PDB file of N, CA and C in Angstrom:
ATOM      1  N   MET A   1      12.223 -13.081 -16.721  1.00  0.00           N
ATOM      2  CA  MET A   1      11.898 -13.641 -15.434  1.00  0.00           C
ATOM      3  C   MET A   1      10.780 -12.823 -14.817  1.00  0.00           C
ATOM      4  N   PHE A   2       9.695 -13.447 -14.541  1.00  0.00           N
ATOM      5  CA  PHE A   2       8.612 -12.828 -13.788  1.00  0.00           C
ATOM      6  C   PHE A   2       8.659 -13.416 -12.379  1.00  0.00           C
ATOM      7  N   PHE A   3       8.561 -12.563 -11.368  1.00  0.00           N
ATOM      8  CA  PHE A   3       8.640 -13.064 -10.003  1.00  0.00           C
ATOM      9  C   PHE A   3       7.871 -12.164  -9.050  1.00  0.00           C
ATOM     10  N   PRO A   4       7.358 -12.735  -7.955  1.00  0.00           N
ATOM     11  CA  PRO A   4       6.744 -11.912  -6.918  1.00  0.00           C
ATOM     12  C   PRO A   4       7.849 -11.237  -6.105  1.00  0.00           C
ATOM     13  N   VAL A   5       7.622 -10.021  -5.718  1.00  0.00           N
ATOM     14  CA  VAL A   5       8.593  -9.331  -4.879  1.00  0.00           C
ATOM     15  C   VAL A   5       8.397  -9.773  -3.433  1.00  0.00           C
ATOM     16  N   TRP A   6       9.475 -10.214  -2.826  1.00  0.00           N
ATOM     17  CA  TRP A   6       9.467 -10.611  -1.421  1.00  0.00           C
ATOM     18  C   TRP A   6      10.533  -9.776  -0.722  1.00  0.00           C
ATOM     19  N   TRP A   7      10.145  -9.038   0.281  1.00  0.00           N
ATOM     20  CA  TRP A   7      11.078  -8.220   1.056  1.00  0.00           C
ATOM     21  C   TRP A   7      11.951  -7.349   0.162  1.00  0.00           C
ATOM     22  N   TRP A   8      11.341  -6.735  -0.806  1.00  0.00           N
ATOM     23  CA  TRP A   8      11.987  -5.795  -1.726  1.00  0.00           C
ATOM     24  C   TRP A   8      13.139  -6.420  -2.501  1.00  0.00           C
ATOM     25  N   SER A   9      12.919  -7.645  -2.939  1.00  0.00           N
ATOM     26  CA  SER A   9      13.897  -8.341  -3.765  1.00  0.00           C
ATOM     27  C   SER A   9      13.220  -9.508  -4.470  1.00  0.00           C
ATOM     28  N   ALA A  10      14.013 -10.234  -5.220  1.00  0.00           N
ATOM     29  CA  ALA A  10      13.540 -11.466  -5.844  1.00  0.00           C
ATOM     30  C   ALA A  10      13.394 -12.539  -4.762  1.00  0.00           C
ATOM     31  N   PRO A  11      12.503 -13.502  -4.965  1.00  0.00           N
ATOM     32  CA  PRO A  11      12.369 -14.593  -3.991  1.00  0.00           C
ATOM     33  C   PRO A  11      13.686 -15.354  -3.823  1.00  0.00           C
ATOM     34  N   ALA A  12      13.846 -15.949  -2.669  1.00  0.00           N
ATOM     35  CA  ALA A  12      15.088 -16.657  -2.350  1.00  0.00           C
ATOM     36  C   ALA A  12      15.426 -17.735  -3.377  1.00  0.00           C
ATOM     37  N   VAL A  13      14.431 -18.434  -3.894  1.00  0.00           N
ATOM     38  CA  VAL A  13      14.718 -19.499  -4.855  1.00  0.00           C
ATOM     39  C   VAL A  13      15.320 -18.925  -6.143  1.00  0.00           C
ATOM     40  N   LEU A  14      14.831 -17.766  -6.596  1.00  0.00           N
ATOM     41  CA  LEU A  14      15.402 -17.128  -7.791  1.00  0.00           C
ATOM     42  C   LEU A  14      16.784 -16.580  -7.490  1.00  0.00           C
ATOM     43  N   LYS A  15      16.925 -15.898  -6.372  1.00  0.00           N
ATOM     44  CA  LYS A  15      18.235 -15.352  -5.994  1.00  0.00           C
ATOM     45  C   LYS A  15      19.244 -16.472  -5.794  1.00  0.00           C
ATOM     46  N   GLY A  16      18.832 -17.562  -5.172  1.00  0.00           N
ATOM     47  CA  GLY A  16      19.728 -18.698  -4.989  1.00  0.00           C
ATOM     48  C   GLY A  16      20.151 -19.320  -6.300  1.00  0.00           C
ATOM     49  N   TRP A  17      19.222 -19.392  -7.262  1.00  0.00           N
ATOM     50  CA  TRP A  17      19.556 -19.934  -8.578  1.00  0.00           C
ATOM     51  C   TRP A  17      20.589 -19.044  -9.262  1.00  0.00           C
ATOM     52  N   ILE A  18      20.381 -17.737  -9.204  1.00  0.00           N
ATOM     53  CA  ILE A  18      21.362 -16.814  -9.794  1.00  0.00           C
ATOM     54  C   ILE A  18      22.707 -16.981  -9.096  1.00  0.00           C
ATOM     55  N   ASP A  19      22.707 -17.030  -7.774  1.00  0.00           N
ATOM     56  CA  ASP A  19      23.960 -17.168  -7.022  1.00  0.00           C
ATOM     57  C   ASP A  19      24.718 -18.450  -7.370  1.00  0.00           C
ATOM     58  N   ARG A  20      23.988 -19.535  -7.610  1.00  0.00           N
ATOM     59  CA  ARG A  20      24.643 -20.821  -7.846  1.00  0.00           C
ATOM     60  C   ARG A  20      24.966 -21.095  -9.316  1.00  0.00           C
ATOM     61  N   VAL A  21      24.144 -20.584 -10.223  1.00  0.00           N
ATOM     62  CA  VAL A  21      24.321 -20.908 -11.634  1.00  0.00           C
ATOM     63  C   VAL A  21      25.074 -19.814 -12.389  1.00  0.00           C
ATOM     64  N   TRP A  22      24.762 -18.582 -12.108  1.00  0.00           N
ATOM     65  CA  TRP A  22      25.411 -17.465 -12.807  1.00  0.00           C
ATOM     66  C   TRP A  22      26.763 -17.200 -12.151  1.00  0.00           C
ATOM     67  N   ASN A  23      27.673 -18.120 -12.262  1.00  0.00           N
ATOM     68  CA  ASN A  23      28.917 -18.009 -11.532  1.00  0.00           C
ATOM     69  C   ASN A  23      30.081 -17.535 -12.413  1.00  0.00           C
ATOM     70  N   TYR A  24      31.223 -17.346 -11.778  1.00  0.00           N
ATOM     71  CA  TYR A  24      32.437 -16.876 -12.447  1.00  0.00           C
ATOM     72  C   TYR A  24      32.818 -17.842 -13.572  1.00  0.00           C
ATOM     73  N   GLY A  25      33.123 -17.286 -14.718  1.00  0.00           N
ATOM     74  CA  GLY A  25      33.501 -18.091 -15.868  1.00  0.00           C
ATOM     75  C   GLY A  25      32.327 -18.530 -16.715  1.00  0.00           C
ATOM     76  N   TRP A  26      31.103 -18.304 -16.237  1.00  0.00           N
ATOM     77  CA  TRP A  26      29.917 -18.611 -17.039  1.00  0.00           C
ATOM     78  C   TRP A  26      29.097 -17.357 -17.283  1.00  0.00           C
ATOM     79  N   ALA A  27      28.838 -16.582 -16.235  1.00  0.00           N
ATOM     80  CA  ALA A  27      28.013 -15.379 -16.381  1.00  0.00           C
ATOM     81  C   ALA A  27      28.821 -14.096 -16.209  1.00  0.00           C
ATOM     82  N   TYR A  28      30.002 -14.175 -15.635  1.00  0.00           N
ATOM     83  CA  TYR A  28      30.873 -13.014 -15.487  1.00  0.00           C
ATOM     84  C   TYR A  28      32.301 -13.503 -15.347  1.00  0.00           C
ATOM     85  N   GLY A  29      33.245 -12.584 -15.423  1.00  0.00           N
ATOM     86  CA  GLY A  29      34.658 -12.960 -15.336  1.00  0.00           C
ATOM     87  C   GLY A  29      35.214 -13.227 -16.713  1.00  0.00           C
ATOM     88  N   ASP A  30      35.798 -14.405 -16.901  1.00  0.00           N
ATOM     89  CA  ASP A  30      36.404 -14.764 -18.176  1.00  0.00           C
ATOM     90  C   ASP A  30      35.390 -14.762 -19.320  1.00  0.00           C
ATOM     91  N   ARG A  31      34.152 -15.093 -19.009  1.00  0.00           N
ATOM     92  CA  ARG A  31      33.053 -15.074 -19.985  1.00  0.00           C
ATOM     93  C   ARG A  31      31.924 -14.262 -19.399  1.00  0.00           C
ATOM     94  N   THR A  32      31.023 -13.824 -20.259  1.00  0.00           N
ATOM     95  CA  THR A  32      29.826 -13.157 -19.760  1.00  0.00           C
ATOM     96  C   THR A  32      28.620 -14.037 -20.051  1.00  0.00           C
ATOM     97  N   TYR A  33      27.516 -13.656 -19.462  1.00  0.00           N
ATOM     98  CA  TYR A  33      26.275 -14.414 -19.626  1.00  0.00           C
ATOM     99  C   TYR A  33      26.042 -14.715 -21.105  1.00  0.00           C
ATOM    100  N   PRO A  34      25.706 -15.943 -21.461  1.00  0.00           N
ATOM    101  CA  PRO A  34      25.668 -16.349 -22.861  1.00  0.00           C
ATOM    102  C   PRO A  34      24.489 -15.821 -23.687  1.00  0.00           C
ATOM    103  N   HIS A  35      23.558 -15.132 -23.069  1.00  0.00           N
ATOM    104  CA  HIS A  35      22.414 -14.605 -23.814  1.00  0.00           C
ATOM    105  C   HIS A  35      22.457 -13.085 -23.801  1.00  0.00           C
ATOM    106  N   ARG A  36      22.008 -12.485 -24.877  1.00  0.00           N
ATOM    107  CA  ARG A  36      22.076 -11.043 -25.042  1.00  0.00           C
ATOM    108  C   ARG A  36      20.962 -10.323 -24.281  1.00  0.00           C
ATOM    109  N   ARG A  37      19.841 -10.962 -24.044  1.00  0.00           N
ATOM    110  CA  ARG A  37      18.665 -10.301 -23.488  1.00  0.00           C
ATOM    111  C   ARG A  37      18.168 -11.009 -22.225  1.00  0.00           C
ATOM    112  N   VAL A  38      17.953 -10.213 -21.188  1.00  0.00           N
ATOM    113  CA  VAL A  38      17.312 -10.703 -19.968  1.00  0.00           C
ATOM    114  C   VAL A  38      16.447  -9.567 -19.424  1.00  0.00           C
ATOM    115  N   TRP A  39      15.214  -9.890 -19.151  1.00  0.00           N
ATOM    116  CA  TRP A  39      14.309  -8.954 -18.488  1.00  0.00           C
ATOM    117  C   TRP A  39      13.892  -9.552 -17.166  1.00  0.00           C
ATOM    118  N   MET A  40      13.817  -8.710 -16.151  1.00  0.00           N
ATOM    119  CA  MET A  40      13.314  -9.101 -14.836  1.00  0.00           C
ATOM    120  C   MET A  40      12.078  -8.262 -14.550  1.00  0.00           C
ATOM    121  N   ILE A  41      10.960  -8.929 -14.305  1.00  0.00           N
ATOM    122  CA  ILE A  41       9.695  -8.254 -14.042  1.00  0.00           C
ATOM    123  C   ILE A  41       9.211  -8.694 -12.664  1.00  0.00           C
ATOM    124  N   GLY A  42       9.216  -7.759 -11.725  1.00  0.00           N
ATOM    125  CA  GLY A  42       8.762  -8.045 -10.376  1.00  0.00           C
ATOM    126  C   GLY A  42       7.305  -7.655 -10.188  1.00  0.00           C
ATOM    127  N   ILE A  43       6.552  -8.510  -9.544  1.00  0.00           N
ATOM    128  CA  ILE A  43       5.145  -8.258  -9.243  1.00  0.00           C
ATOM    129  C   ILE A  43       5.066  -7.825  -7.783  1.00  0.00           C
ATOM    130  N   ALA A  44       4.782  -6.530  -7.577  1.00  0.00           N
ATOM    131  CA  ALA A  44       4.756  -5.950  -6.239  1.00  0.00           C
ATOM    132  C   ALA A  44       3.326  -5.918  -5.707  1.00  0.00           C
ATOM    133  N   GLY A  45       3.157  -6.193  -4.444  1.00  0.00           N
ATOM    134  CA  GLY A  45       1.824  -6.230  -3.857  1.00  0.00           C
ATOM    135  C   GLY A  45       1.224  -4.862  -3.606  1.00  0.00           C
ATOM    136  N   VAL A  46       2.038  -3.888  -3.236  1.00  0.00           N
ATOM    137  CA  VAL A  46       1.512  -2.574  -2.871  1.00  0.00           C
ATOM    138  C   VAL A  46       1.738  -1.559  -3.992  1.00  0.00           C
ATOM    139  N   THR A  47       1.344  -0.341  -3.731  1.00  0.00           N
ATOM    140  CA  THR A  47       1.346   0.703  -4.747  1.00  0.00           C
ATOM    141  C   THR A  47       2.743   1.226  -5.068  1.00  0.00           C
ATOM    142  N   GLU A  48       2.823   1.861  -6.216  1.00  0.00           N
ATOM    143  CA  GLU A  48       4.072   2.513  -6.628  1.00  0.00           C
ATOM    144  C   GLU A  48       4.471   3.584  -5.614  1.00  0.00           C
ATOM    145  N   ALA A  49       3.504   4.343  -5.111  1.00  0.00           N
ATOM    146  CA  ALA A  49       3.794   5.388  -4.126  1.00  0.00           C
ATOM    147  C   ALA A  49       4.459   4.806  -2.877  1.00  0.00           C
ATOM    148  N   ALA A  50       4.022   3.641  -2.447  1.00  0.00           N
ATOM    149  CA  ALA A  50       4.617   3.002  -1.270  1.00  0.00           C
ATOM    150  C   ALA A  50       6.078   2.637  -1.527  1.00  0.00           C
ATOM    151  N   TYR A  51       6.391   2.183  -2.719  1.00  0.00           N
ATOM    152  CA  TYR A  51       7.777   1.846  -3.063  1.00  0.00           C
ATOM    153  C   TYR A  51       8.636   3.089  -3.176  1.00  0.00           C
ATOM    154  N   ARG A  52       8.122   4.097  -3.825  1.00  0.00           N
ATOM    155  CA  ARG A  52       8.897   5.326  -4.045  1.00  0.00           C
ATOM    156  C   ARG A  52       9.127   6.100  -2.756  1.00  0.00           C
ATOM    157  N   LYS A  53       8.204   6.012  -1.830  1.00  0.00           N
ATOM    158  CA  LYS A  53       8.309   6.746  -0.564  1.00  0.00           C
ATOM    159  C   LYS A  53       9.645   6.482   0.128  1.00  0.00           C
ATOM    160  N   ARG A  54      10.082   5.247   0.110  1.00  0.00           N
ATOM    161  CA  ARG A  54      11.325   4.867   0.792  1.00  0.00           C
ATOM    162  C   ARG A  54      12.440   4.450  -0.171  1.00  0.00           C
ATOM    163  N   GLY A  55      12.192   4.588  -1.466  1.00  0.00           N
ATOM    164  CA  GLY A  55      13.233   4.268  -2.444  1.00  0.00           C
ATOM    165  C   GLY A  55      13.412   2.788  -2.705  1.00  0.00           C
ATOM    166  N   TYR A  56      12.414   1.974  -2.338  1.00  0.00           N
ATOM    167  CA  TYR A  56      12.536   0.529  -2.554  1.00  0.00           C
ATOM    168  C   TYR A  56      12.666   0.192  -4.036  1.00  0.00           C
ATOM    169  N   ASP A  57      11.944   0.916  -4.890  1.00  0.00           N
ATOM    170  CA  ASP A  57      12.001   0.642  -6.329  1.00  0.00           C
ATOM    171  C   ASP A  57      13.401   0.879  -6.883  1.00  0.00           C
ATOM    172  N   GLU A  58      14.023   1.965  -6.481  1.00  0.00           N
ATOM    173  CA  GLU A  58      15.377   2.264  -6.959  1.00  0.00           C
ATOM    174  C   GLU A  58      16.387   1.281  -6.371  1.00  0.00           C
ATOM    175  N   ALA A  59      16.210   0.910  -5.113  1.00  0.00           N
ATOM    176  CA  ALA A  59      17.113  -0.071  -4.506  1.00  0.00           C
ATOM    177  C   ALA A  59      17.048  -1.402  -5.243  1.00  0.00           C
ATOM    178  N   MET A  60      15.842  -1.823  -5.602  1.00  0.00           N
ATOM    179  CA  MET A  60      15.704  -3.077  -6.348  1.00  0.00           C
ATOM    180  C   MET A  60      16.317  -2.955  -7.731  1.00  0.00           C
ATOM    181  N   ARG A  61      16.110  -1.813  -8.390  1.00  0.00           N
ATOM    182  CA  ARG A  61      16.677  -1.612  -9.728  1.00  0.00           C
ATOM    183  C   ARG A  61      18.200  -1.708  -9.673  1.00  0.00           C
ATOM    184  N   VAL A  62      18.807  -1.046  -8.709  1.00  0.00           N
ATOM    185  CA  VAL A  62      20.264  -1.089  -8.598  1.00  0.00           C
ATOM    186  C   VAL A  62      20.736  -2.509  -8.301  1.00  0.00           C
ATOM    187  N   GLN A  63      20.085  -3.180  -7.360  1.00  0.00           N
ATOM    188  CA  GLN A  63      20.494  -4.537  -6.987  1.00  0.00           C
ATOM    189  C   GLN A  63      20.374  -5.501  -8.161  1.00  0.00           C
ATOM    190  N   LEU A  64      19.232  -5.511  -8.829  1.00  0.00           N
ATOM    191  CA  LEU A  64      18.977  -6.536  -9.845  1.00  0.00           C
ATOM    192  C   LEU A  64      19.439  -6.139 -11.239  1.00  0.00           C
ATOM    193  N   GLU A  65      19.094  -4.937 -11.681  1.00  0.00           N
ATOM    194  CA  GLU A  65      19.491  -4.541 -13.037  1.00  0.00           C
ATOM    195  C   GLU A  65      20.983  -4.241 -13.128  1.00  0.00           C
ATOM    196  N   VAL A  66      21.471  -3.427 -12.211  1.00  0.00           N
ATOM    197  CA  VAL A  66      22.889  -3.054 -12.248  1.00  0.00           C
ATOM    198  C   VAL A  66      23.758  -4.163 -11.654  1.00  0.00           C
ATOM    199  N   GLY A  67      23.400  -4.601 -10.445  1.00  0.00           N
ATOM    200  CA  GLY A  67      24.248  -5.556  -9.731  1.00  0.00           C
ATOM    201  C   GLY A  67      24.289  -6.948 -10.310  1.00  0.00           C
ATOM    202  N   VAL A  68      23.250  -7.344 -11.026  1.00  0.00           N
ATOM    203  CA  VAL A  68      23.234  -8.681 -11.631  1.00  0.00           C
ATOM    204  C   VAL A  68      23.342  -8.582 -13.150  1.00  0.00           C
ATOM    205  N   LEU A  69      22.365  -7.952 -13.787  1.00  0.00           N
ATOM    206  CA  LEU A  69      22.307  -7.978 -15.252  1.00  0.00           C
ATOM    207  C   LEU A  69      23.454  -7.201 -15.902  1.00  0.00           C
ATOM    208  N   GLU A  70      23.684  -5.978 -15.451  1.00  0.00           N
ATOM    209  CA  GLU A  70      24.783  -5.193 -16.034  1.00  0.00           C
ATOM    210  C   GLU A  70      26.127  -5.810 -15.694  1.00  0.00           C
ATOM    211  N   PHE A  71      26.288  -6.262 -14.453  1.00  0.00           N
ATOM    212  CA  PHE A  71      27.541  -6.884 -14.032  1.00  0.00           C
ATOM    213  C   PHE A  71      27.888  -8.084 -14.913  1.00  0.00           C
ATOM    214  N   CYS A  72      26.864  -8.824 -15.343  1.00  0.00           N
ATOM    215  CA  CYS A  72      27.074 -10.001 -16.193  1.00  0.00           C
ATOM    216  C   CYS A  72      27.192  -9.643 -17.678  1.00  0.00           C
ATOM    217  N   GLY A  73      27.203  -8.363 -18.010  1.00  0.00           N
ATOM    218  CA  GLY A  73      27.428  -7.932 -19.385  1.00  0.00           C
ATOM    219  C   GLY A  73      26.235  -8.111 -20.301  1.00  0.00           C
ATOM    220  N   ILE A  74      25.045  -8.146 -19.766  1.00  0.00           N
ATOM    221  CA  ILE A  74      23.847  -8.335 -20.587  1.00  0.00           C
ATOM    222  C   ILE A  74      23.492  -7.008 -21.246  1.00  0.00           C
ATOM    223  N   ALA A  75      23.546  -6.987 -22.571  1.00  0.00           N
ATOM    224  CA  ALA A  75      23.338  -5.742 -23.320  1.00  0.00           C
ATOM    225  C   ALA A  75      21.883  -5.289 -23.296  1.00  0.00           C
ATOM    226  N   ASP A  76      20.974  -6.187 -23.547  1.00  0.00           N
ATOM    227  CA  ASP A  76      19.553  -5.848 -23.586  1.00  0.00           C
ATOM    228  C   ASP A  76      18.933  -6.298 -22.273  1.00  0.00           C
ATOM    229  N   ARG A  77      18.987  -5.424 -21.304  1.00  0.00           N
ATOM    230  CA  ARG A  77      18.486  -5.763 -19.971  1.00  0.00           C
ATOM    231  C   ARG A  77      17.361  -4.799 -19.612  1.00  0.00           C
ATOM    232  N   ARG A  78      16.453  -5.302 -18.813  1.00  0.00           N
ATOM    233  CA  ARG A  78      15.326  -4.471 -18.401  1.00  0.00           C
ATOM    234  C   ARG A  78      14.854  -4.958 -17.041  1.00  0.00           C
ATOM    235  N   PHE A  79      14.548  -3.999 -16.183  1.00  0.00           N
ATOM    236  CA  PHE A  79      13.956  -4.299 -14.889  1.00  0.00           C
ATOM    237  C   PHE A  79      12.690  -3.469 -14.765  1.00  0.00           C
ATOM    238  N   GLU A  80      11.596  -4.124 -14.476  1.00  0.00           N
ATOM    239  CA  GLU A  80      10.301  -3.455 -14.312  1.00  0.00           C
ATOM    240  C   GLU A  80       9.645  -3.951 -13.039  1.00  0.00           C
ATOM    241  N   LEU A  81       8.904  -3.064 -12.410  1.00  0.00           N
ATOM    242  CA  LEU A  81       8.038  -3.457 -11.307  1.00  0.00           C
ATOM    243  C   LEU A  81       6.602  -3.178 -11.714  1.00  0.00           C
ATOM    244  N   LEU A  82       5.751  -4.138 -11.482  1.00  0.00           N
ATOM    245  CA  LEU A  82       4.319  -3.977 -11.695  1.00  0.00           C
ATOM    246  C   LEU A  82       3.695  -3.895 -10.306  1.00  0.00           C
ATOM    247  N   TYR A  83       3.080  -2.769 -10.008  1.00  0.00           N
ATOM    248  CA  TYR A  83       2.659  -2.443  -8.645  1.00  0.00           C
ATOM    249  C   TYR A  83       1.196  -2.762  -8.372  1.00  0.00           C
ATOM    250  N   GLY A  84       0.895  -2.996  -7.093  1.00  0.00           N
ATOM    251  CA  GLY A  84      -0.474  -3.051  -6.607  1.00  0.00           C
ATOM    252  C   GLY A  84      -1.214  -4.349  -6.813  1.00  0.00           C
ATOM    253  N   ALA A  85      -0.508  -5.436  -6.963  1.00  0.00           N
ATOM    254  CA  ALA A  85      -1.151  -6.718  -7.268  1.00  0.00           C
ATOM    255  C   ALA A  85      -2.121  -7.181  -6.181  1.00  0.00           C
ATOM    256  N   THR A  86      -1.944  -6.709  -4.961  1.00  0.00           N
ATOM    257  CA  THR A  86      -2.840  -7.129  -3.877  1.00  0.00           C
ATOM    258  C   THR A  86      -3.801  -6.018  -3.449  1.00  0.00           C
ATOM    259  N   GLU A  87      -3.828  -4.925  -4.179  1.00  0.00           N
ATOM    260  CA  GLU A  87      -4.661  -3.778  -3.788  1.00  0.00           C
ATOM    261  C   GLU A  87      -6.153  -4.009  -4.038  1.00  0.00           C
ATOM    262  N   SER A  88      -6.482  -4.646  -5.142  1.00  0.00           N
ATOM    263  CA  SER A  88      -7.889  -4.908  -5.466  1.00  0.00           C
ATOM    264  C   SER A  88      -7.937  -5.931  -6.597  1.00  0.00           C
ATOM    265  N   PRO A  89      -9.070  -6.578  -6.784  1.00  0.00           N
ATOM    266  CA  PRO A  89      -9.178  -7.512  -7.906  1.00  0.00           C
ATOM    267  C   PRO A  89      -8.962  -6.814  -9.257  1.00  0.00           C
ATOM    268  N   GLU A  90      -9.429  -5.596  -9.371  1.00  0.00           N
ATOM    269  CA  GLU A  90      -9.250  -4.860 -10.633  1.00  0.00           C
ATOM    270  C   GLU A  90      -7.769  -4.561 -10.885  1.00  0.00           C
ATOM    271  N   GLN A  91      -7.062  -4.175  -9.832  1.00  0.00           N
ATOM    272  CA  GLN A  91      -5.639  -3.888  -9.985  1.00  0.00           C
ATOM    273  C   GLN A  91      -4.862  -5.173 -10.262  1.00  0.00           C
ATOM    274  N   ALA A  92      -5.246  -6.265  -9.645  1.00  0.00           N
ATOM    275  CA  ALA A  92      -4.598  -7.550  -9.929  1.00  0.00           C
ATOM    276  C   ALA A  92      -4.771  -7.907 -11.400  1.00  0.00           C
ATOM    277  N   SER A  93      -5.960  -7.685 -11.946  1.00  0.00           N
ATOM    278  CA  SER A  93      -6.200  -7.944 -13.375  1.00  0.00           C
ATOM    279  C   SER A  93      -5.353  -7.033 -14.247  1.00  0.00           C
ATOM    280  N   ALA A  94      -5.196  -5.779 -13.834  1.00  0.00           N
ATOM    281  CA  ALA A  94      -4.365  -4.842 -14.597  1.00  0.00           C
ATOM    282  C   ALA A  94      -2.900  -5.280 -14.587  1.00  0.00           C
ATOM    283  N   VAL A  95      -2.434  -5.786 -13.456  1.00  0.00           N
ATOM    284  CA  VAL A  95      -1.053  -6.279 -13.363  1.00  0.00           C
ATOM    285  C   VAL A  95      -0.861  -7.475 -14.297  1.00  0.00           C
ATOM    286  N   VAL A  96      -1.798  -8.391 -14.303  1.00  0.00           N
ATOM    287  CA  VAL A  96      -1.714  -9.553 -15.195  1.00  0.00           C
ATOM    288  C   VAL A  96      -1.693  -9.095 -16.651  1.00  0.00           C
ATOM    289  N   ALA A  97      -2.528  -8.128 -17.003  1.00  0.00           N
ATOM    290  CA  ALA A  97      -2.555  -7.610 -18.382  1.00  0.00           C
ATOM    291  C   ALA A  97      -1.232  -6.938 -18.738  1.00  0.00           C
ATOM    292  N   SER A  98      -0.652  -6.185 -17.807  1.00  0.00           N
ATOM    293  CA  SER A  98       0.652  -5.554 -18.051  1.00  0.00           C
ATOM    294  C   SER A  98       1.740  -6.608 -18.231  1.00  0.00           C
ATOM    295  N   ALA A  99       1.696  -7.640 -17.417  1.00  0.00           N
ATOM    296  CA  ALA A  99       2.683  -8.717 -17.538  1.00  0.00           C
ATOM    297  C   ALA A  99       2.568  -9.399 -18.898  1.00  0.00           C
ATOM    298  N   ALA A 100       1.346  -9.619 -19.358  1.00  0.00           N
ATOM    299  CA  ALA A 100       1.136 -10.234 -20.668  1.00  0.00           C
ATOM    300  C   ALA A 100       1.680  -9.352 -21.780  1.00  0.00           C
ATOM    301  N   ARG A 101       1.440  -8.035 -21.679  1.00  0.00           N
ATOM    302  CA  ARG A 101       1.981  -7.110 -22.700  1.00  0.00           C
ATOM    303  C   ARG A 101       3.501  -7.130 -22.716  1.00  0.00           C
ATOM    304  N   LEU A 102       4.112  -7.123 -21.538  1.00  0.00           N
ATOM    305  CA  LEU A 102       5.567  -7.181 -21.485  1.00  0.00           C
ATOM    306  C   LEU A 102       6.093  -8.490 -22.070  1.00  0.00           C
ATOM    307  N   GLY A 103       5.414  -9.585 -21.762  1.00  0.00           N
ATOM    308  CA  GLY A 103       5.813 -10.870 -22.327  1.00  0.00           C
ATOM    309  C   GLY A 103       5.763 -10.882 -23.843  1.00  0.00           C
ATOM    310  N   MET A 104       4.758 -10.240 -24.396  1.00  0.00           N
ATOM    311  CA  MET A 104       4.631 -10.175 -25.861  1.00  0.00           C
ATOM    312  C   MET A 104       5.717  -9.291 -26.477  1.00  0.00           C
ATOM    313  N   GLN A 105       6.206  -8.293 -25.747  1.00  0.00           N
ATOM    314  CA  GLN A 105       7.279  -7.412 -26.245  1.00  0.00           C
ATOM    315  C   GLN A 105       8.633  -8.098 -26.234  1.00  0.00           C
ATOM    316  N   TYR A 106       8.790  -9.061 -25.366  1.00  0.00           N
ATOM    317  CA  TYR A 106      10.082  -9.724 -25.230  1.00  0.00           C
ATOM    318  C   TYR A 106      10.425 -10.444 -26.512  1.00  0.00           C
TER     319      TYR A 106
END
């Protein structure tokens, strides 16, 4: 899942989809999520330093990787943030290139 970071989380449409579809008996509880691998890649507008200053990166990792992916029993899980997408055209291009590399690794 690639998504823009909104208010230090996944967009409401993605979070709502997880809340409604990844429910008890399908993604957790009696059964776990039916796929072994899920990666979440957030595209952040500002710099890594801005996220780390207040711990936003760690808060997102705990919420999404631990609170969603690990809770659902996903063995091969990964959460990444790609920073600085709105800092400059060059940085936006670097973010796109990083996203492409991650997609190829999946």
